[in-house]
N, C-alpha and C. Protein backbone atom coordinates (compact mmCIF):
# COMPACT_ATOMS: atom_id res chain seq x y z
N MET A 1 -0.77 -26.37 -18.90
CA MET A 1 -1.55 -25.15 -18.76
C MET A 1 -1.10 -24.16 -19.82
N HIS A 2 -2.03 -23.45 -20.38
CA HIS A 2 -1.74 -22.48 -21.43
C HIS A 2 -1.12 -21.23 -20.81
N PRO A 3 0.01 -20.73 -21.38
CA PRO A 3 0.69 -19.60 -20.77
C PRO A 3 0.06 -18.24 -21.04
N VAL A 4 -0.95 -18.14 -21.91
CA VAL A 4 -1.54 -16.85 -22.27
C VAL A 4 -2.35 -16.30 -21.10
N LYS A 5 -2.04 -15.07 -20.73
CA LYS A 5 -2.74 -14.39 -19.64
C LYS A 5 -3.25 -13.06 -20.17
N SER A 6 -4.40 -12.64 -19.69
CA SER A 6 -4.95 -11.35 -20.08
C SER A 6 -4.15 -10.23 -19.43
N VAL A 7 -4.35 -9.02 -19.93
CA VAL A 7 -3.70 -7.86 -19.32
C VAL A 7 -4.17 -7.71 -17.88
N ASN A 8 -5.46 -7.93 -17.63
CA ASN A 8 -5.97 -7.83 -16.26
C ASN A 8 -5.31 -8.85 -15.34
N GLU A 9 -5.13 -10.07 -15.84
CA GLU A 9 -4.49 -11.07 -15.00
C GLU A 9 -3.03 -10.72 -14.75
N ARG A 10 -2.35 -10.22 -15.78
CA ARG A 10 -0.95 -9.80 -15.60
C ARG A 10 -0.85 -8.70 -14.55
N PHE A 11 -1.79 -7.76 -14.60
CA PHE A 11 -1.80 -6.70 -13.60
C PHE A 11 -2.04 -7.27 -12.20
N PHE A 12 -3.01 -8.17 -12.09
CA PHE A 12 -3.32 -8.79 -10.80
C PHE A 12 -2.09 -9.52 -10.24
N GLN A 13 -1.42 -10.31 -11.09
CA GLN A 13 -0.24 -11.06 -10.65
C GLN A 13 0.85 -10.10 -10.18
N ALA A 14 1.12 -9.06 -10.97
CA ALA A 14 2.15 -8.10 -10.61
C ALA A 14 1.78 -7.34 -9.33
N PHE A 15 0.51 -6.96 -9.22
CA PHE A 15 0.05 -6.24 -8.03
C PHE A 15 0.22 -7.10 -6.77
N MET A 16 -0.19 -8.36 -6.83
CA MET A 16 -0.06 -9.24 -5.68
C MET A 16 1.41 -9.45 -5.31
N PHE A 17 2.25 -9.62 -6.32
CA PHE A 17 3.69 -9.77 -6.10
C PHE A 17 4.23 -8.56 -5.34
N GLU A 18 3.88 -7.36 -5.81
CA GLU A 18 4.41 -6.13 -5.21
C GLU A 18 3.81 -5.83 -3.85
N ALA A 19 2.52 -6.09 -3.68
CA ALA A 19 1.88 -5.83 -2.38
C ALA A 19 2.53 -6.66 -1.28
N LEU A 20 2.75 -7.93 -1.56
CA LEU A 20 3.40 -8.79 -0.57
C LEU A 20 4.85 -8.35 -0.35
N ALA A 21 5.53 -7.97 -1.42
CA ALA A 21 6.92 -7.51 -1.29
C ALA A 21 7.02 -6.25 -0.42
N ILE A 22 6.12 -5.30 -0.63
CA ILE A 22 6.12 -4.07 0.18
C ILE A 22 5.86 -4.40 1.64
N ALA A 23 4.92 -5.28 1.88
CA ALA A 23 4.59 -5.66 3.26
C ALA A 23 5.78 -6.29 3.98
N ILE A 24 6.64 -6.95 3.25
CA ILE A 24 7.83 -7.56 3.84
C ILE A 24 8.99 -6.57 3.89
N CYS A 25 9.24 -5.87 2.78
CA CYS A 25 10.47 -5.08 2.63
C CYS A 25 10.48 -3.73 3.33
N ALA A 26 9.36 -3.04 3.37
CA ALA A 26 9.37 -1.71 3.99
C ALA A 26 9.76 -1.79 5.47
N PRO A 27 9.10 -2.61 6.27
CA PRO A 27 9.51 -2.67 7.68
C PRO A 27 10.92 -3.25 7.86
N LEU A 28 11.25 -4.27 7.07
CA LEU A 28 12.58 -4.87 7.17
C LEU A 28 13.66 -3.87 6.77
N GLY A 29 13.43 -3.14 5.67
CA GLY A 29 14.40 -2.14 5.21
C GLY A 29 14.57 -1.00 6.20
N ALA A 30 13.47 -0.53 6.76
CA ALA A 30 13.55 0.54 7.76
C ALA A 30 14.37 0.10 8.96
N TRP A 31 14.14 -1.12 9.38
CA TRP A 31 14.88 -1.65 10.53
C TRP A 31 16.36 -1.84 10.22
N LEU A 32 16.67 -2.48 9.07
CA LEU A 32 18.06 -2.75 8.71
C LEU A 32 18.86 -1.49 8.39
N LEU A 33 18.23 -0.51 7.74
CA LEU A 33 18.93 0.70 7.33
C LEU A 33 18.84 1.83 8.36
N ASP A 34 18.03 1.63 9.38
CA ASP A 34 17.82 2.61 10.44
C ASP A 34 17.30 3.94 9.88
N TYR A 35 16.29 3.82 9.02
CA TYR A 35 15.55 4.97 8.49
C TYR A 35 14.11 4.87 8.98
N PRO A 36 13.40 5.99 9.00
CA PRO A 36 11.99 5.92 9.38
C PRO A 36 11.20 5.05 8.39
N LEU A 37 10.22 4.36 8.89
CA LEU A 37 9.40 3.47 8.06
C LEU A 37 8.77 4.21 6.89
N VAL A 38 8.30 5.43 7.12
CA VAL A 38 7.65 6.20 6.05
C VAL A 38 8.65 6.50 4.93
N TYR A 39 9.87 6.86 5.28
CA TYR A 39 10.90 7.19 4.29
C TYR A 39 11.23 5.97 3.43
N ILE A 40 11.46 4.85 4.07
CA ILE A 40 11.75 3.61 3.34
C ILE A 40 10.49 3.11 2.64
N GLY A 41 9.34 3.35 3.24
CA GLY A 41 8.08 2.98 2.61
C GLY A 41 7.89 3.66 1.27
N TRP A 42 8.21 4.97 1.19
CA TRP A 42 8.10 5.69 -0.08
C TRP A 42 9.08 5.14 -1.12
N LEU A 43 10.31 4.87 -0.69
CA LEU A 43 11.29 4.29 -1.61
C LEU A 43 10.82 2.92 -2.08
N THR A 44 10.30 2.13 -1.17
CA THR A 44 9.80 0.80 -1.52
C THR A 44 8.64 0.91 -2.50
N LEU A 45 7.77 1.89 -2.30
CA LEU A 45 6.64 2.09 -3.21
C LEU A 45 7.13 2.50 -4.60
N MET A 46 8.10 3.41 -4.67
CA MET A 46 8.65 3.81 -5.98
C MET A 46 9.28 2.63 -6.69
N ILE A 47 10.08 1.87 -5.96
CA ILE A 47 10.71 0.68 -6.54
C ILE A 47 9.64 -0.30 -6.98
N SER A 48 8.60 -0.42 -6.17
CA SER A 48 7.51 -1.34 -6.49
C SER A 48 6.81 -0.96 -7.79
N LEU A 49 6.56 0.32 -7.99
CA LEU A 49 5.90 0.75 -9.23
C LEU A 49 6.77 0.46 -10.45
N ILE A 50 8.06 0.68 -10.31
CA ILE A 50 8.99 0.33 -11.39
C ILE A 50 8.98 -1.18 -11.59
N ALA A 51 9.07 -1.91 -10.50
CA ALA A 51 9.12 -3.37 -10.59
C ALA A 51 7.83 -3.95 -11.15
N MET A 52 6.68 -3.36 -10.79
CA MET A 52 5.41 -3.88 -11.30
C MET A 52 5.33 -3.68 -12.80
N SER A 53 5.74 -2.53 -13.27
CA SER A 53 5.75 -2.29 -14.71
C SER A 53 6.70 -3.26 -15.41
N TRP A 54 7.88 -3.43 -14.86
CA TRP A 54 8.86 -4.36 -15.43
C TRP A 54 8.35 -5.79 -15.36
N ASN A 55 7.70 -6.14 -14.26
CA ASN A 55 7.15 -7.49 -14.10
C ASN A 55 6.16 -7.80 -15.21
N MET A 56 5.24 -6.89 -15.47
CA MET A 56 4.23 -7.13 -16.51
C MET A 56 4.89 -7.27 -17.88
N LEU A 57 5.81 -6.38 -18.19
CA LEU A 57 6.48 -6.44 -19.49
C LEU A 57 7.35 -7.69 -19.60
N PHE A 58 8.13 -7.96 -18.58
CA PHE A 58 9.04 -9.10 -18.62
C PHE A 58 8.27 -10.42 -18.73
N ASN A 59 7.20 -10.57 -17.94
CA ASN A 59 6.42 -11.81 -18.00
C ASN A 59 5.74 -11.98 -19.35
N LEU A 60 5.29 -10.89 -19.95
CA LEU A 60 4.73 -10.97 -21.30
C LEU A 60 5.79 -11.48 -22.28
N LEU A 61 6.99 -10.90 -22.22
CA LEU A 61 8.07 -11.32 -23.11
C LEU A 61 8.49 -12.77 -22.83
N PHE A 62 8.54 -13.14 -21.57
CA PHE A 62 8.93 -14.51 -21.20
C PHE A 62 7.89 -15.51 -21.71
N ASP A 63 6.61 -15.19 -21.54
CA ASP A 63 5.55 -16.07 -22.02
C ASP A 63 5.58 -16.19 -23.53
N ARG A 64 5.85 -15.10 -24.23
CA ARG A 64 5.98 -15.16 -25.69
C ARG A 64 7.16 -16.04 -26.09
N ALA A 65 8.27 -15.89 -25.38
CA ALA A 65 9.43 -16.75 -25.67
C ALA A 65 9.07 -18.21 -25.42
N GLN A 66 8.34 -18.48 -24.36
CA GLN A 66 7.92 -19.85 -24.06
C GLN A 66 7.04 -20.39 -25.19
N SER A 67 6.10 -19.58 -25.66
CA SER A 67 5.22 -20.02 -26.75
C SER A 67 6.00 -20.29 -28.03
N ARG A 68 6.93 -19.42 -28.35
CA ARG A 68 7.71 -19.57 -29.58
C ARG A 68 8.71 -20.71 -29.51
N MET A 69 9.35 -20.87 -28.36
CA MET A 69 10.40 -21.88 -28.23
C MET A 69 9.87 -23.21 -27.74
N GLY A 70 8.69 -23.20 -27.13
CA GLY A 70 8.06 -24.43 -26.69
C GLY A 70 8.65 -25.08 -25.46
N PHE A 71 9.34 -24.31 -24.62
CA PHE A 71 9.90 -24.91 -23.41
C PHE A 71 8.88 -24.94 -22.28
N GLU A 72 9.07 -25.86 -21.36
CA GLU A 72 8.22 -25.97 -20.17
C GLU A 72 8.81 -25.10 -19.06
N LYS A 73 7.98 -24.77 -18.09
CA LYS A 73 8.47 -24.00 -16.94
C LYS A 73 9.08 -24.96 -15.93
N THR A 74 10.24 -25.47 -16.28
CA THR A 74 10.99 -26.36 -15.40
C THR A 74 11.68 -25.52 -14.33
N VAL A 75 12.33 -26.18 -13.42
CA VAL A 75 13.08 -25.45 -12.39
C VAL A 75 14.14 -24.57 -13.05
N ALA A 76 14.84 -25.10 -14.06
CA ALA A 76 15.87 -24.31 -14.74
C ALA A 76 15.26 -23.08 -15.41
N ALA A 77 14.12 -23.24 -16.06
CA ALA A 77 13.45 -22.10 -16.70
C ALA A 77 13.01 -21.07 -15.67
N ARG A 78 12.53 -21.54 -14.53
CA ARG A 78 12.11 -20.62 -13.47
C ARG A 78 13.30 -19.88 -12.86
N VAL A 79 14.43 -20.56 -12.73
CA VAL A 79 15.63 -19.89 -12.23
C VAL A 79 16.08 -18.83 -13.23
N ALA A 80 16.10 -19.17 -14.52
CA ALA A 80 16.47 -18.20 -15.55
C ALA A 80 15.50 -17.01 -15.53
N HIS A 81 14.23 -17.29 -15.38
CA HIS A 81 13.21 -16.24 -15.30
C HIS A 81 13.52 -15.28 -14.16
N ALA A 82 13.77 -15.81 -12.99
CA ALA A 82 14.03 -14.99 -11.80
C ALA A 82 15.31 -14.17 -11.96
N VAL A 83 16.38 -14.79 -12.46
CA VAL A 83 17.66 -14.10 -12.61
C VAL A 83 17.56 -12.97 -13.64
N LEU A 84 16.98 -13.25 -14.79
CA LEU A 84 16.85 -12.24 -15.84
C LEU A 84 15.96 -11.08 -15.39
N PHE A 85 14.90 -11.40 -14.68
CA PHE A 85 14.02 -10.35 -14.15
C PHE A 85 14.81 -9.44 -13.21
N GLU A 86 15.56 -10.01 -12.31
CA GLU A 86 16.28 -9.21 -11.32
C GLU A 86 17.39 -8.38 -11.95
N ILE A 87 18.04 -8.88 -12.97
CA ILE A 87 19.08 -8.09 -13.66
C ILE A 87 18.46 -6.83 -14.27
N GLY A 88 17.33 -7.01 -14.95
CA GLY A 88 16.66 -5.85 -15.54
C GLY A 88 16.22 -4.85 -14.49
N LEU A 89 15.71 -5.34 -13.40
CA LEU A 89 15.25 -4.46 -12.32
C LEU A 89 16.43 -3.73 -11.67
N LEU A 90 17.52 -4.40 -11.51
CA LEU A 90 18.73 -3.80 -10.94
C LEU A 90 19.16 -2.57 -11.73
N LEU A 91 19.12 -2.66 -13.04
CA LEU A 91 19.52 -1.55 -13.89
C LEU A 91 18.61 -0.33 -13.73
N ALA A 92 17.39 -0.57 -13.32
CA ALA A 92 16.43 0.52 -13.17
C ALA A 92 16.46 1.16 -11.78
N ILE A 93 16.68 0.37 -10.74
CA ILE A 93 16.47 0.92 -9.40
C ILE A 93 17.73 1.39 -8.67
N VAL A 94 18.89 0.97 -9.12
CA VAL A 94 20.12 1.43 -8.43
C VAL A 94 20.24 2.95 -8.45
N PRO A 95 20.05 3.60 -9.61
CA PRO A 95 20.14 5.08 -9.58
C PRO A 95 19.08 5.72 -8.67
N LEU A 96 17.88 5.18 -8.65
CA LEU A 96 16.83 5.71 -7.79
C LEU A 96 17.21 5.58 -6.32
N ALA A 97 17.67 4.41 -5.92
CA ALA A 97 18.05 4.19 -4.51
C ALA A 97 19.21 5.10 -4.11
N ALA A 98 20.19 5.27 -5.01
CA ALA A 98 21.33 6.14 -4.70
C ALA A 98 20.86 7.57 -4.46
N TRP A 99 20.00 8.05 -5.32
CA TRP A 99 19.49 9.41 -5.19
C TRP A 99 18.65 9.56 -3.92
N TRP A 100 17.72 8.65 -3.68
CA TRP A 100 16.78 8.76 -2.55
C TRP A 100 17.51 8.67 -1.22
N LEU A 101 18.47 7.78 -1.13
CA LEU A 101 19.18 7.58 0.13
C LEU A 101 20.41 8.49 0.28
N GLY A 102 20.75 9.21 -0.79
CA GLY A 102 21.91 10.10 -0.74
C GLY A 102 23.21 9.33 -0.62
N ILE A 103 23.32 8.22 -1.34
CA ILE A 103 24.52 7.39 -1.31
C ILE A 103 25.06 7.27 -2.74
N GLY A 104 26.25 6.73 -2.86
CA GLY A 104 26.85 6.55 -4.17
C GLY A 104 26.23 5.37 -4.91
N LEU A 105 26.49 5.35 -6.22
CA LEU A 105 25.97 4.26 -7.03
C LEU A 105 26.51 2.90 -6.58
N TRP A 106 27.76 2.86 -6.18
CA TRP A 106 28.33 1.59 -5.72
C TRP A 106 27.62 1.10 -4.46
N GLN A 107 27.40 2.01 -3.51
CA GLN A 107 26.68 1.63 -2.29
C GLN A 107 25.26 1.18 -2.61
N ALA A 108 24.61 1.90 -3.51
CA ALA A 108 23.26 1.51 -3.91
C ALA A 108 23.26 0.16 -4.62
N PHE A 109 24.30 -0.08 -5.41
CA PHE A 109 24.43 -1.36 -6.09
C PHE A 109 24.61 -2.49 -5.06
N MET A 110 25.46 -2.28 -4.07
CA MET A 110 25.68 -3.29 -3.04
C MET A 110 24.39 -3.53 -2.23
N LEU A 111 23.67 -2.45 -1.94
CA LEU A 111 22.39 -2.59 -1.25
C LEU A 111 21.42 -3.39 -2.11
N ASP A 112 21.41 -3.11 -3.41
CA ASP A 112 20.51 -3.82 -4.30
C ASP A 112 20.89 -5.29 -4.45
N ILE A 113 22.16 -5.59 -4.35
CA ILE A 113 22.58 -7.00 -4.38
C ILE A 113 21.94 -7.73 -3.19
N GLY A 114 21.95 -7.10 -2.04
CA GLY A 114 21.30 -7.69 -0.87
C GLY A 114 19.81 -7.87 -1.09
N ILE A 115 19.18 -6.87 -1.68
CA ILE A 115 17.75 -6.97 -1.97
C ILE A 115 17.50 -8.09 -2.98
N ALA A 116 18.35 -8.16 -4.00
CA ALA A 116 18.19 -9.21 -5.03
C ALA A 116 18.33 -10.60 -4.42
N LEU A 117 19.18 -10.75 -3.42
CA LEU A 117 19.33 -12.05 -2.77
C LEU A 117 18.05 -12.46 -2.06
N PHE A 118 17.27 -11.49 -1.61
CA PHE A 118 15.94 -11.78 -1.07
C PHE A 118 14.97 -12.09 -2.20
N PHE A 119 15.00 -11.25 -3.25
CA PHE A 119 14.00 -11.36 -4.30
C PHE A 119 14.19 -12.54 -5.24
N LEU A 120 15.39 -13.06 -5.36
CA LEU A 120 15.55 -14.25 -6.22
C LEU A 120 14.68 -15.40 -5.75
N PRO A 121 14.81 -15.84 -4.50
CA PRO A 121 13.91 -16.92 -4.08
C PRO A 121 12.45 -16.46 -3.97
N TYR A 122 12.23 -15.21 -3.59
CA TYR A 122 10.86 -14.70 -3.50
C TYR A 122 10.18 -14.76 -4.87
N THR A 123 10.86 -14.28 -5.91
CA THR A 123 10.32 -14.31 -7.28
C THR A 123 10.05 -15.73 -7.71
N PHE A 124 11.01 -16.60 -7.48
CA PHE A 124 10.88 -18.01 -7.86
C PHE A 124 9.65 -18.63 -7.21
N PHE A 125 9.53 -18.52 -5.90
CA PHE A 125 8.44 -19.18 -5.18
C PHE A 125 7.09 -18.47 -5.39
N PHE A 126 7.10 -17.16 -5.50
CA PHE A 126 5.84 -16.47 -5.75
C PHE A 126 5.25 -16.91 -7.08
N ASN A 127 6.06 -16.88 -8.14
CA ASN A 127 5.55 -17.23 -9.46
C ASN A 127 5.19 -18.71 -9.56
N TRP A 128 5.93 -19.55 -8.92
CA TRP A 128 5.59 -20.97 -8.89
C TRP A 128 4.23 -21.17 -8.20
N THR A 129 4.09 -20.55 -7.04
CA THR A 129 2.83 -20.65 -6.30
C THR A 129 1.68 -20.07 -7.11
N TYR A 130 1.92 -18.93 -7.74
CA TYR A 130 0.87 -18.32 -8.57
C TYR A 130 0.45 -19.27 -9.69
N ASP A 131 1.42 -19.88 -10.36
CA ASP A 131 1.10 -20.80 -11.46
C ASP A 131 0.32 -22.02 -10.96
N VAL A 132 0.70 -22.55 -9.81
CA VAL A 132 -0.01 -23.70 -9.25
C VAL A 132 -1.45 -23.32 -8.90
N LEU A 133 -1.62 -22.18 -8.22
CA LEU A 133 -2.96 -21.74 -7.86
C LEU A 133 -3.79 -21.39 -9.10
N ARG A 134 -3.15 -20.81 -10.11
CA ARG A 134 -3.84 -20.48 -11.37
C ARG A 134 -4.33 -21.76 -12.05
N ALA A 135 -3.47 -22.77 -12.10
CA ALA A 135 -3.86 -24.03 -12.73
C ALA A 135 -5.05 -24.66 -11.99
N ARG A 136 -5.03 -24.61 -10.68
CA ARG A 136 -6.16 -25.15 -9.89
C ARG A 136 -7.43 -24.36 -10.15
N PHE A 137 -7.31 -23.05 -10.21
CA PHE A 137 -8.47 -22.19 -10.46
C PHE A 137 -9.06 -22.48 -11.84
N ILE A 138 -8.20 -22.59 -12.84
CA ILE A 138 -8.67 -22.87 -14.20
C ILE A 138 -9.31 -24.25 -14.27
N ALA A 139 -8.69 -25.24 -13.64
CA ALA A 139 -9.25 -26.60 -13.64
C ALA A 139 -10.62 -26.61 -12.96
N ARG A 140 -10.76 -25.89 -11.85
CA ARG A 140 -12.05 -25.82 -11.15
C ARG A 140 -13.09 -25.13 -12.03
N LYS A 141 -12.68 -24.07 -12.71
CA LYS A 141 -13.58 -23.35 -13.59
C LYS A 141 -14.05 -24.25 -14.75
N ILE A 142 -13.15 -25.04 -15.29
CA ILE A 142 -13.50 -25.98 -16.38
C ILE A 142 -14.46 -27.04 -15.86
N ARG A 143 -14.17 -27.59 -14.68
CA ARG A 143 -15.07 -28.61 -14.10
C ARG A 143 -16.47 -28.07 -13.89
N ARG A 144 -16.56 -26.85 -13.39
CA ARG A 144 -17.87 -26.23 -13.15
C ARG A 144 -18.61 -26.00 -14.47
N ALA A 145 -17.89 -25.61 -15.51
CA ALA A 145 -18.51 -25.35 -16.81
C ALA A 145 -19.00 -26.64 -17.44
N GLN A 146 -18.32 -27.74 -17.16
CA GLN A 146 -18.71 -29.03 -17.73
C GLN A 146 -19.86 -29.68 -16.95
N ALA A 147 -20.06 -29.25 -15.72
CA ALA A 147 -21.10 -29.86 -14.87
C ALA A 147 -22.48 -29.38 -15.19
């Protein structure tokens, strides 16, 4: 499958990733941290907007690297993709979480490590599933065009 995606598709992929993440993380975070759902919901939304922007940029860069280097999206490549994405996101959201929750950077970092442990497999499986569904959609579209 060709790795080139339009800006609209990149937005759609990032939006779906974040919408599902918010649906899972806001209630779970409110429960685990014992904060009101609305308060954690706003934090989750802010993090989501940062993450969605980073997701679009990072996936564009990753796809360009794939095109230039010619590697396949193997399990190892997908693990590298997920880990590198989360490291970049960590650098952006720890200060935000510390400020919003009124905690120190170390506490926010430890909290983010817990979040990253959720998002590593989530990122891996979401993107894998997206790629599989995208390939099926494109194949179906090609079959219809040929018919």
